[in-house]
Amino acid sequence: MVLAERSNDVRNGKRSRGPSPNGHGSPDSSSDEENAEKIRVGRDYQAVCPELEPVEARRPDLISDRALLVWSPTTEIADIKLDEYITTAKEKYGYNGEQALGMLFWHKHDLNRASLDLANFTPFPDEWTVEDKVLFEQAFQFHGKSFHRIRQMLPDKSIASLVKYYYSWKKTRARTSLMDVVGEGRNAASSGSGKKESGTTSEPGGSDKESDNDEKVQQNKQQLSAMKRKVGDTGVEDYRPGEPPAKINSRWTNDELLMAVTAVRKYGRDFQAIAETLGTKTEAHVRSFFISYRRRYNLDAVVREHEAERGNTHHIQAGTTSTESADTADSSNAKNGTASPTTSKDEKTEVDSEGVALGASAEQGGPPTTPPKHKPSK
């Protein structure tokens, strides 16, 4: 029987993972794509560091791919002021930490100039949306640190972007998540040490600790419920913080413009009342709005409608008052046994001795008609 000679390539005392003679891959071998994109661990995959060149022999001006320095620490700025600057850049202008520090370094660590220049540029938006982050974490739970497989769920991301996001997320998270547990378990399985996967093992007494924690949580809930019943709602409103006052802003939004037009319809030229209704504008802002948007929203017609409604209301109120006073006078005269000097309700007009109606015009809303003068007869 002839046995085929197997050539075992040895690299640093270890057999390489080459293809088997029969053409079938071994169980522990991976495809070329996996070998090309998987993170390498071990001395076989470490970079070869060149020898350190002396300062005299260095020629940085001849290097074609020189890196750009974007930040250098300084002792001239206090840490508190630096944190305030970064917070302002993040919350007000949408910068991230690296972009804010780059702007500060560009202005040679001048906080005032850097702060003023933040509004002149639009920062590069975060390329990772919430959906991308959720997909990344789900893919990591299934594939671990096999970023080429994670990329199948996020095809628009590069391998470098995936690796960068993983390490940035790993630094900022508050506690160990399922991502690390799965990653450590897969690394332990791929090391070939023969140990069980860390994801399937558990510490002795782990279930007892969980039951103790559940009991403590239940006790805390019972104590909180008892304290709530004891305190009740009496006296709590006095200690609750009130609503913060509205901030005055000179910029007008669409909703504020509509509210202002409605307020003009209701209050007319009472700018103080309109400002109090809006809450975010002063009387001067309302005056400026009335002047600027007078033609656009036809505010003069709105004011005339307000004045017309106000005049009709006063006229109705005055008519009601006069009717009530007349009824009161009639009732008092009836009690005293005297006749009322006014005419009855059936009589609509008063006629003078010459037959001219005096009250018809006044009743129709116009001025009373003056009776014509008779020429003297000759």
Protein backbone atom coordinates (compact mmCIF):
# COMPACT_ATOMS: atom_id res chain seq x y z
CA MET A 1 0.00 0.00 0.00
CA VAL A 2 1.34 3.37 -1.03
CA LEU A 3 0.89 6.26 1.32
CA ALA A 4 0.83 9.79 0.04
CA GLU A 5 3.45 11.99 1.62
CA ARG A 6 1.97 14.93 3.44
CA SER A 7 4.05 18.05 3.36
CA ASN A 8 3.54 19.92 6.58
CA ASP A 9 4.61 23.52 6.33
CA VAL A 10 6.05 24.66 9.62
CA ARG A 11 6.01 28.32 10.61
CA ASN A 12 7.61 29.27 13.92
CA GLY A 13 7.24 25.72 15.16
CA LYS A 14 3.53 25.46 14.24
CA ARG A 15 1.88 23.66 11.37
CA SER A 16 0.21 25.97 8.90
CA ARG A 17 -3.42 25.62 7.98
CA GLY A 18 -2.99 24.48 4.39
CA PRO A 19 -5.50 22.56 2.30
CA SER A 20 -5.67 18.78 2.70
CA PRO A 21 -4.32 16.50 -0.10
CA ASN A 22 -7.76 15.16 -0.97
CA GLY A 23 -9.02 18.65 -1.78
CA HIS A 24 -11.46 18.87 1.13
CA GLY A 25 -10.94 21.50 3.76
CA SER A 26 -10.35 20.53 7.37
CA PRO A 27 -12.96 21.51 9.99
CA ASP A 28 -10.70 24.17 11.53
CA SER A 29 -9.75 25.75 8.21
CA SER A 30 -11.48 28.88 6.97
CA SER A 31 -12.03 30.45 3.60
CA ASP A 32 -9.73 32.99 2.04
CA GLU A 33 -12.28 35.71 2.70
CA GLU A 34 -12.34 34.91 6.41
CA ASN A 35 -8.54 34.80 6.54
CA ALA A 36 -8.36 38.13 4.75
CA GLU A 37 -10.78 40.05 6.96
CA LYS A 38 -10.61 38.41 10.39
CA ILE A 39 -8.63 40.05 13.18
CA ARG A 40 -5.32 38.26 13.70
CA VAL A 41 -4.11 37.33 17.17
CA GLY A 42 -0.66 35.93 17.97
CA ARG A 43 2.97 36.59 17.23
CA ASP A 44 2.65 35.33 13.66
CA TYR A 45 0.55 38.35 12.77
CA GLN A 46 2.42 41.09 14.57
CA ALA A 47 3.89 43.97 12.61
CA VAL A 48 7.63 44.17 12.19
CA CYS A 49 8.82 47.40 13.78
CA PRO A 50 11.80 49.03 12.09
CA GLU A 51 14.74 50.28 14.04
CA LEU A 52 14.51 53.73 15.56
CA GLU A 53 16.23 56.30 13.43
CA PRO A 54 18.22 59.05 15.11
CA VAL A 55 16.91 62.58 14.96
CA GLU A 56 19.71 63.71 12.65
CA ALA A 57 18.85 61.08 10.04
CA ARG A 58 15.14 61.82 9.93
CA ARG A 59 13.77 63.70 6.92
CA PRO A 60 10.04 64.26 7.56
CA ASP A 61 9.75 66.62 4.60
CA LEU A 62 10.52 63.77 2.21
CA ILE A 63 7.75 61.51 3.50
CA SER A 64 4.84 61.43 1.06
CA ASP A 65 2.13 60.09 3.39
CA ARG A 66 2.64 62.39 6.34
CA ALA A 67 -0.11 62.39 8.94
CA LEU A 68 -1.94 65.59 9.83
CA LEU A 69 -1.77 66.61 13.47
CA VAL A 70 -5.27 67.53 14.64
CA TRP A 71 -4.80 67.83 18.40
CA SER A 72 -2.01 68.37 20.88
CA PRO A 73 -2.65 68.71 24.64
CA THR A 74 -1.73 71.90 26.43
CA THR A 75 -1.39 72.98 30.04
CA GLU A 76 -2.58 76.54 29.39
CA ILE A 77 -6.28 75.59 29.47
CA ALA A 78 -7.91 74.26 32.63
CA ASP A 79 -9.75 70.96 32.39
CA ILE A 80 -13.02 72.57 33.53
CA LYS A 81 -12.96 75.16 30.74
CA LEU A 82 -12.00 72.51 28.21
CA ASP A 83 -14.94 70.33 29.27
CA GLU A 84 -17.31 73.31 29.04
CA TYR A 85 -16.04 74.09 25.54
CA ILE A 86 -16.55 70.50 24.38
CA THR A 87 -20.03 70.37 25.94
CA THR A 88 -21.05 73.60 24.19
CA ALA A 89 -19.72 72.33 20.86
CA LYS A 90 -21.67 69.09 21.22
CA GLU A 91 -25.02 70.41 22.48
CA LYS A 92 -25.26 73.69 20.57
CA TYR A 93 -23.46 73.03 17.29
CA GLY A 94 -23.49 69.22 16.90
CA TYR A 95 -19.73 68.64 17.01
CA ASN A 96 -18.20 65.51 18.47
CA GLY A 97 -15.25 65.56 20.83
CA GLU A 98 -12.58 65.06 18.17
CA GLN A 99 -13.99 67.77 15.93
CA ALA A 100 -14.23 70.26 18.80
CA LEU A 101 -10.62 69.62 19.84
CA GLY A 102 -9.50 69.91 16.23
CA MET A 103 -11.12 73.34 15.99
CA LEU A 104 -9.39 74.40 19.20
CA PHE A 105 -6.02 73.18 17.94
CA TRP A 106 -6.55 75.00 14.64
CA HIS A 107 -6.89 78.26 16.57
CA LYS A 108 -3.74 77.49 18.59
CA HIS A 109 -5.61 76.68 21.82
CA ASP A 110 -7.48 80.00 21.85
CA LEU A 111 -10.83 79.20 23.46
CA ASN A 112 -12.52 82.47 22.53
CA ARG A 113 -11.64 82.30 18.85
CA ALA A 114 -12.50 78.61 18.64
CA SER A 115 -15.87 79.15 20.33
CA LEU A 116 -16.76 81.96 17.93
CA ASP A 117 -15.70 79.91 14.91
CA LEU A 118 -17.83 76.88 15.80
CA ALA A 119 -20.94 78.41 14.22
CA ASN A 120 -19.17 79.03 10.88
CA PHE A 121 -18.81 75.34 10.01
CA THR A 122 -21.15 72.39 9.71
CA PRO A 123 -19.71 69.30 11.42
CA PHE A 124 -19.68 65.97 9.65
CA PRO A 125 -22.79 64.11 10.81
CA ASP A 126 -22.64 60.86 12.72
CA GLU A 127 -22.66 58.08 10.16
CA TRP A 128 -24.08 55.59 12.65
CA THR A 129 -27.84 55.84 13.05
CA VAL A 130 -29.86 54.13 15.76
CA GLU A 131 -30.88 51.39 13.33
CA ASP A 132 -27.25 50.76 12.39
CA LYS A 133 -26.25 50.44 16.04
CA VAL A 134 -29.03 47.97 16.76
CA LEU A 135 -28.14 45.88 13.71
CA PHE A 136 -24.48 45.88 14.71
CA GLU A 137 -25.22 44.64 18.21
CA GLN A 138 -27.55 41.93 16.92
CA ALA A 139 -24.96 40.79 14.38
CA PHE A 140 -22.28 40.73 17.06
CA GLN A 141 -24.41 38.48 19.23
CA PHE A 142 -24.48 35.91 16.42
CA HIS A 143 -21.03 36.28 14.84
CA GLY A 144 -18.79 37.71 17.56
CA LYS A 145 -15.76 39.59 16.23
CA SER A 146 -16.13 38.18 12.73
CA PHE A 147 -16.56 41.59 11.20
CA HIS A 148 -16.80 40.33 7.61
CA ARG A 149 -20.00 38.50 8.60
CA ILE A 150 -21.27 41.55 10.46
CA ARG A 151 -20.71 43.51 7.28
CA GLN A 152 -23.24 41.30 5.50
CA MET A 153 -25.93 42.90 7.69
CA LEU A 154 -24.39 46.36 7.27
CA PRO A 155 -23.13 46.42 3.67
CA ASP A 156 -22.70 50.19 3.62
CA LYS A 157 -20.08 50.05 6.38
CA SER A 158 -16.45 49.24 5.84
CA ILE A 159 -14.48 46.83 8.00
CA ALA A 160 -12.47 49.72 9.42
CA SER A 161 -15.67 51.55 10.32
CA LEU A 162 -17.07 48.46 12.06
CA VAL A 163 -13.90 47.93 14.08
CA LYS A 164 -13.70 51.60 15.03
CA TYR A 165 -17.31 51.68 16.17
CA TYR A 166 -16.89 48.50 18.21
CA TYR A 167 -13.96 49.85 20.22
CA SER A 168 -15.57 53.25 20.72
CA TRP A 169 -18.74 51.56 21.94
CA LYS A 170 -16.71 49.28 24.17
CA LYS A 171 -15.08 52.26 25.89
CA THR A 172 -18.24 54.26 26.47
CA ARG A 173 -20.68 51.64 27.69
CA ALA A 174 -21.42 51.53 31.42
CA ARG A 175 -21.39 47.78 31.99
CA THR A 176 -20.48 44.52 30.31
CA SER A 177 -23.08 43.55 27.75
CA LEU A 178 -23.89 40.40 25.87
CA MET A 179 -21.54 41.45 23.10
CA ASP A 180 -18.44 40.91 25.24
CA VAL A 181 -19.74 37.65 26.68
CA VAL A 182 -20.25 36.22 23.19
CA GLY A 183 -16.95 37.59 21.94
CA GLU A 184 -14.93 36.13 24.82
CA GLY A 185 -16.67 32.78 24.44
CA ARG A 186 -15.82 32.57 20.74
CA ASN A 187 -12.20 33.58 21.38
CA ALA A 188 -11.87 30.85 23.99
CA ALA A 189 -13.33 28.27 21.60
CA SER A 190 -11.01 29.28 18.73
CA SER A 191 -7.86 29.11 20.88
CA GLY A 192 -7.95 25.27 20.84
CA SER A 193 -7.12 24.92 24.52
CA GLY A 194 -9.82 22.28 25.00
CA LYS A 195 -11.65 24.24 27.63
CA LYS A 196 -15.39 24.71 27.64
CA GLU A 197 -16.85 27.85 26.18
CA SER A 198 -17.11 30.63 28.70
CA GLY A 199 -20.60 31.47 27.42
CA THR A 200 -21.92 28.06 28.53
CA THR A 201 -20.26 28.00 31.95
CA SER A 202 -21.59 29.73 35.02
CA GLU A 203 -20.21 30.50 38.43
CA PRO A 204 -21.21 28.21 41.29
CA GLY A 205 -24.00 29.67 43.31
CA GLY A 206 -25.08 32.04 40.56
CA SER A 207 -28.72 31.06 40.85
CA ASP A 208 -28.61 31.67 44.60
CA LYS A 209 -27.30 35.19 44.02
CA GLU A 210 -30.08 35.90 41.56
CA SER A 211 -32.72 34.70 44.01
CA ASP A 212 -31.21 36.88 46.75
CA ASN A 213 -31.32 39.88 44.44
CA ASP A 214 -34.98 39.20 43.62
CA GLU A 215 -35.84 39.08 47.31
CA LYS A 216 -34.07 42.38 47.94
CA VAL A 217 -35.88 44.02 45.04
CA GLN A 218 -39.23 42.79 46.37
CA GLN A 219 -38.44 44.10 49.86
CA ASN A 220 -37.49 47.50 48.44
CA LYS A 221 -40.76 47.67 46.51
CA GLN A 222 -42.75 46.89 49.64
CA GLN A 223 -40.92 49.57 51.61
CA LEU A 224 -41.53 52.15 48.89
CA SER A 225 -45.23 51.29 48.77
CA ALA A 226 -45.52 51.66 52.55
CA MET A 227 -43.77 55.04 52.46
CA LYS A 228 -46.07 56.27 49.69
CA ARG A 229 -49.17 55.29 51.66
CA LYS A 230 -47.77 56.98 54.75
CA VAL A 231 -46.87 60.25 53.05
CA GLY A 232 -49.79 60.45 50.62
CA ASP A 233 -50.30 63.44 48.38
CA THR A 234 -50.82 66.03 51.14
CA GLY A 235 -48.17 68.71 51.25
CA VAL A 236 -46.25 67.45 48.23
CA GLU A 237 -47.38 70.16 45.82
CA ASP A 238 -45.66 72.84 47.90
CA TYR A 239 -42.27 71.20 47.36
CA ARG A 240 -42.61 70.39 43.69
CA PRO A 241 -40.66 72.72 41.42
CA GLY A 242 -42.80 75.00 39.34
CA GLU A 243 -42.75 75.17 35.59
CA PRO A 244 -39.74 77.06 34.26
CA PRO A 245 -40.59 80.43 32.73
CA ALA A 246 -40.66 80.61 28.96
CA LYS A 247 -37.48 81.93 27.41
CA ILE A 248 -37.76 85.15 25.42
CA ASN A 249 -36.73 84.55 21.82
CA SER A 250 -36.74 87.12 19.04
CA ARG A 251 -37.07 84.53 16.29
CA TRP A 252 -40.59 83.77 15.10
CA THR A 253 -41.71 80.24 14.34
CA ASN A 254 -44.69 79.37 12.15
CA ASP A 255 -46.79 78.44 15.17
CA GLU A 256 -45.98 81.73 16.88
CA LEU A 257 -46.92 83.68 13.76
CA LEU A 258 -50.31 81.98 13.60
CA MET A 259 -50.86 82.58 17.31
CA ALA A 260 -49.93 86.24 16.90
CA VAL A 261 -52.45 86.75 14.08
CA THR A 262 -55.14 85.09 16.19
CA ALA A 263 -54.21 87.30 19.14
CA VAL A 264 -54.46 90.42 16.97
CA ARG A 265 -57.95 89.25 15.97
CA LYS A 266 -58.84 89.05 19.66
CA TYR A 267 -56.94 91.97 21.23
CA GLY A 268 -56.43 94.37 18.32
CA ARG A 269 -53.53 96.75 18.96
CA ASP A 270 -53.11 95.77 22.60
CA PHE A 271 -49.53 94.57 22.09
CA GLN A 272 -48.95 93.95 25.79
CA ALA A 273 -51.86 91.48 25.93
CA ILE A 274 -50.62 89.76 22.78
CA ALA A 275 -47.12 89.41 24.25
CA GLU A 276 -48.54 87.90 27.44
CA THR A 277 -50.57 85.47 25.37
CA LEU A 278 -47.55 84.28 23.39
CA GLY A 279 -45.26 84.07 26.41
CA THR A 280 -42.02 84.04 24.41
CA LYS A 281 -42.19 87.59 23.03
CA THR A 282 -42.04 91.06 24.52
CA GLU A 283 -44.20 94.04 23.63
CA ALA A 284 -41.43 95.38 21.40
CA HIS A 285 -41.29 92.08 19.53
CA VAL A 286 -45.04 92.21 18.93
CA ARG A 287 -44.84 95.80 17.65
CA SER A 288 -42.07 94.80 15.26
CA PHE A 289 -44.15 91.83 14.10
CA PHE A 290 -47.16 94.07 13.44
CA ILE A 291 -45.08 96.44 11.32
CA SER A 292 -43.19 93.74 9.41
CA TYR A 293 -46.14 91.45 8.65
CA ARG A 294 -48.88 94.07 8.23
CA ARG A 295 -49.23 93.58 4.49
CA ARG A 296 -48.45 89.88 4.41
CA TYR A 297 -51.21 88.90 6.83
CA ASN A 298 -53.48 91.95 6.15
CA LEU A 299 -53.37 92.88 9.82
CA ASP A 300 -55.21 96.17 9.26
CA ALA A 301 -58.31 94.25 8.17
CA VAL A 302 -57.94 91.97 11.18
CA VAL A 303 -57.82 95.01 13.47
CA ARG A 304 -60.91 96.47 11.79
CA GLU A 305 -62.78 93.22 12.36
CA HIS A 306 -61.76 93.33 16.01
CA GLU A 307 -62.95 96.93 16.37
CA ALA A 308 -66.23 96.14 14.58
CA GLU A 309 -66.94 93.23 16.89
CA ARG A 310 -66.02 95.35 19.87
CA GLY A 311 -68.34 98.16 18.71
CA ASN A 312 -71.27 95.78 18.19
CA THR A 313 -70.72 94.34 21.64
CA HIS A 314 -70.77 97.80 23.24
CA HIS A 315 -73.89 98.76 21.24
CA ILE A 316 -75.74 95.63 22.34
CA GLN A 317 -74.70 96.18 25.94
CA ALA A 318 -75.85 99.84 25.81
CA GLY A 319 -79.23 98.87 24.29
CA THR A 320 -79.77 96.26 26.96
CA THR A 321 -78.97 98.80 29.69
CA SER A 322 -81.42 101.41 28.31
CA THR A 323 -84.20 98.84 27.98
CA GLU A 324 -83.72 97.72 31.54
CA SER A 325 -83.80 101.32 32.81
CA ALA A 326 -87.03 102.00 30.87
CA ASP A 327 -88.69 98.91 32.28
CA THR A 328 -87.64 99.98 35.77
CA ALA A 329 -89.15 103.45 35.27
CA ASP A 330 -92.45 102.00 34.01
CA SER A 331 -92.76 99.71 36.97
CA SER A 332 -92.05 102.55 39.40
CA ASN A 333 -94.64 104.80 37.72
CA ALA A 334 -97.23 102.04 37.86
CA LYS A 335 -96.71 101.71 41.57
CA ASN A 336 -97.03 105.47 42.10
CA GLY A 337 -100.19 105.67 39.95
CA THR A 338 -98.67 108.08 37.41
CA ALA A 339 -98.64 107.64 33.66
CA SER A 340 -95.42 107.07 31.81
CA PRO A 341 -94.35 109.93 29.60
CA THR A 342 -93.12 107.53 26.97
CA THR A 343 -95.30 105.97 24.34
CA SER A 344 -96.48 102.40 24.42
CA LYS A 345 -94.56 99.52 22.83
CA ASP A 346 -96.98 99.35 19.92
CA GLU A 347 -96.09 102.89 18.87
CA LYS A 348 -92.90 102.85 16.84
CA THR A 349 -92.55 106.53 16.07
CA GLU A 350 -93.39 109.82 17.63
CA VAL A 351 -95.34 112.31 15.55
CA ASP A 352 -95.17 116.00 16.17
CA SER A 353 -97.99 118.46 15.63
CA GLU A 354 -97.04 118.85 12.00
CA GLY A 355 -97.08 115.12 11.14
CA VAL A 356 -93.32 114.48 10.80
CA ALA A 357 -91.89 111.22 12.11
CA LEU A 358 -89.07 111.94 14.52
CA GLY A 359 -87.95 108.53 15.81
CA ALA A 360 -87.96 106.45 12.64
CA SER A 361 -84.46 107.35 11.58
CA ALA A 362 -83.06 106.93 15.07
CA GLU A 363 -84.65 103.51 15.37
CA GLN A 364 -82.94 102.38 12.16
CA GLY A 365 -79.52 103.20 13.55
CA GLY A 366 -78.98 106.63 11.92
CA PRO A 367 -79.21 110.13 13.36
CA PRO A 368 -82.70 111.47 14.09
CA THR A 369 -84.35 113.30 11.22
CA THR A 370 -84.82 117.05 11.77
CA PRO A 371 -88.36 118.16 10.94
CA PRO A 372 -88.56 120.64 8.03
CA LYS A 373 -89.40 124.21 8.75
CA HIS A 374 -92.67 125.61 7.28
CA LYS A 375 -92.51 128.77 5.35
CA PRO A 376 -94.69 131.53 6.82
CA SER A 377 -97.88 132.00 4.92
CA LYS A 378 -98.37 135.33 3.31
